[in-house]
Amino acid sequence: MKVSLNGRVLSMDEDFPAQFSSNIPVEFENDSIYEGYTPTAEIRFHQKEKMVSRTLPINNGSFCLPAEYFKYDGKVMLSIMNTKGEVSINSYPI
């Protein structure tokens, strides 16, 4: 699965994996306007009755969606935060 960032718009080359998937590798392509920024993946998902969020490091242009992301039925969201010093810029979630 590949995720690309263009400005603040995030896109995927395929649909989110199905519920009960686990440890899905994701290739990430950052927009060149964020050169010098450090990207991190922000995931939000249902865990029983509440939404929880996790921050995942992006190493060498990739990260992994953990099994807990797919455990429960409900909405899942993914966004990217690019940080440089005191400046953080979030993408729109998908």
Protein backbone atom coordinates (compact mmCIF):
# COMPACT_ATOMS: atom_id res chain seq x y z
CA MET A 1 0.00 0.00 0.00
CA LYS A 2 1.31 3.47 -0.88
CA VAL A 3 0.29 6.78 0.67
CA SER A 4 1.26 10.09 -0.97
CA LEU A 5 1.06 13.65 0.30
CA ASN A 6 0.45 16.55 -2.11
CA GLY A 7 0.33 19.82 -0.19
CA ARG A 8 -2.00 18.87 2.66
CA VAL A 9 -3.99 16.31 0.65
CA LEU A 10 -3.25 12.67 1.43
CA SER A 11 -4.11 9.92 -1.05
CA MET A 12 -3.78 6.13 -1.19
CA ASP A 13 -3.21 3.87 -4.15
CA GLU A 14 -5.76 1.33 -2.84
CA ASP A 15 -8.58 1.00 -0.28
CA PHE A 16 -7.92 0.59 3.43
CA PRO A 17 -7.29 -3.07 4.27
CA ALA A 18 -10.22 -5.00 5.74
CA GLN A 19 -11.08 -5.40 9.41
CA PHE A 20 -8.88 -8.01 11.18
CA SER A 21 -5.89 -7.24 8.93
CA SER A 22 -2.61 -6.78 10.76
CA ASN A 23 0.82 -5.24 10.40
CA ILE A 24 0.20 -3.70 6.98
CA PRO A 25 3.36 -2.11 5.53
CA VAL A 26 2.79 1.34 4.05
CA GLU A 27 5.16 3.14 1.70
CA PHE A 28 5.00 6.92 2.19
CA GLU A 29 5.85 9.60 -0.37
CA ASN A 30 6.12 13.08 1.11
CA ASP A 31 5.58 16.26 -0.91
CA SER A 32 8.86 17.99 -1.82
CA ILE A 33 7.60 21.21 -0.17
CA TYR A 34 8.22 19.44 3.17
CA GLU A 35 11.93 18.87 2.55
CA GLY A 36 13.73 19.11 5.88
CA TYR A 37 10.56 18.24 7.84
CA THR A 38 10.16 15.03 9.85
CA PRO A 39 6.93 13.18 8.96
CA THR A 40 4.96 11.01 11.38
CA ALA A 41 1.80 9.01 10.73
CA GLU A 42 -1.21 9.76 12.94
CA ILE A 43 -3.83 7.01 13.11
CA ARG A 44 -7.25 7.14 14.76
CA PHE A 45 -9.49 4.14 15.24
CA HIS A 46 -12.29 2.70 17.37
CA GLN A 47 -11.35 0.69 20.42
CA LYS A 48 -14.60 -0.60 21.85
CA GLU A 49 -16.76 2.52 22.50
CA LYS A 50 -14.11 5.22 22.05
CA MET A 51 -11.82 6.66 19.41
CA VAL A 52 -8.11 6.40 20.19
CA SER A 53 -5.12 7.78 18.35
CA ARG A 54 -1.54 6.68 17.90
CA THR A 55 1.52 8.30 16.39
CA LEU A 56 3.69 6.05 14.26
CA PRO A 57 7.24 6.87 13.21
CA ILE A 58 7.99 6.96 9.48
CA ASN A 59 11.40 5.40 8.92
CA ASN A 60 13.06 5.36 5.50
CA GLY A 61 9.78 6.32 3.83
CA SER A 62 7.63 3.61 5.38
CA PHE A 63 5.56 2.70 8.42
CA CYS A 64 3.38 -0.20 9.53
CA LEU A 65 -0.33 -0.17 10.44
CA PRO A 66 -0.59 -2.36 13.57
CA ALA A 67 -3.16 -5.07 14.24
CA GLU A 68 -4.93 -2.94 16.89
CA TYR A 69 -5.89 -0.51 14.08
CA PHE A 70 -8.09 -3.20 12.52
CA LYS A 71 -9.39 -5.03 15.59
CA TYR A 72 -12.76 -3.31 16.07
CA ASP A 73 -15.52 -2.31 13.71
CA GLY A 74 -15.76 1.42 13.07
CA LYS A 75 -14.11 4.35 11.36
CA VAL A 76 -10.38 4.52 10.87
CA MET A 77 -8.46 7.64 9.88
CA LEU A 78 -4.92 8.31 8.79
CA SER A 79 -3.11 11.64 8.54
CA ILE A 80 0.48 12.79 8.29
CA MET A 81 2.13 15.45 10.44
CA ASN A 82 5.29 17.11 9.12
CA THR A 83 7.38 18.81 11.82
CA LYS A 84 10.36 21.15 11.54
CA GLY A 85 11.44 22.84 14.76
CA GLU A 86 8.39 24.49 16.31
CA VAL A 87 6.32 24.21 13.10
CA SER A 88 3.92 21.27 12.60
CA ILE A 89 1.69 20.90 9.53
CA ASN A 90 -1.04 18.25 9.46
CA SER A 91 -2.50 16.71 6.34
CA TYR A 92 -6.23 16.30 5.86
CA PRO A 93 -7.18 12.82 7.13
CA ILE A 94 -8.30 9.97 4.92
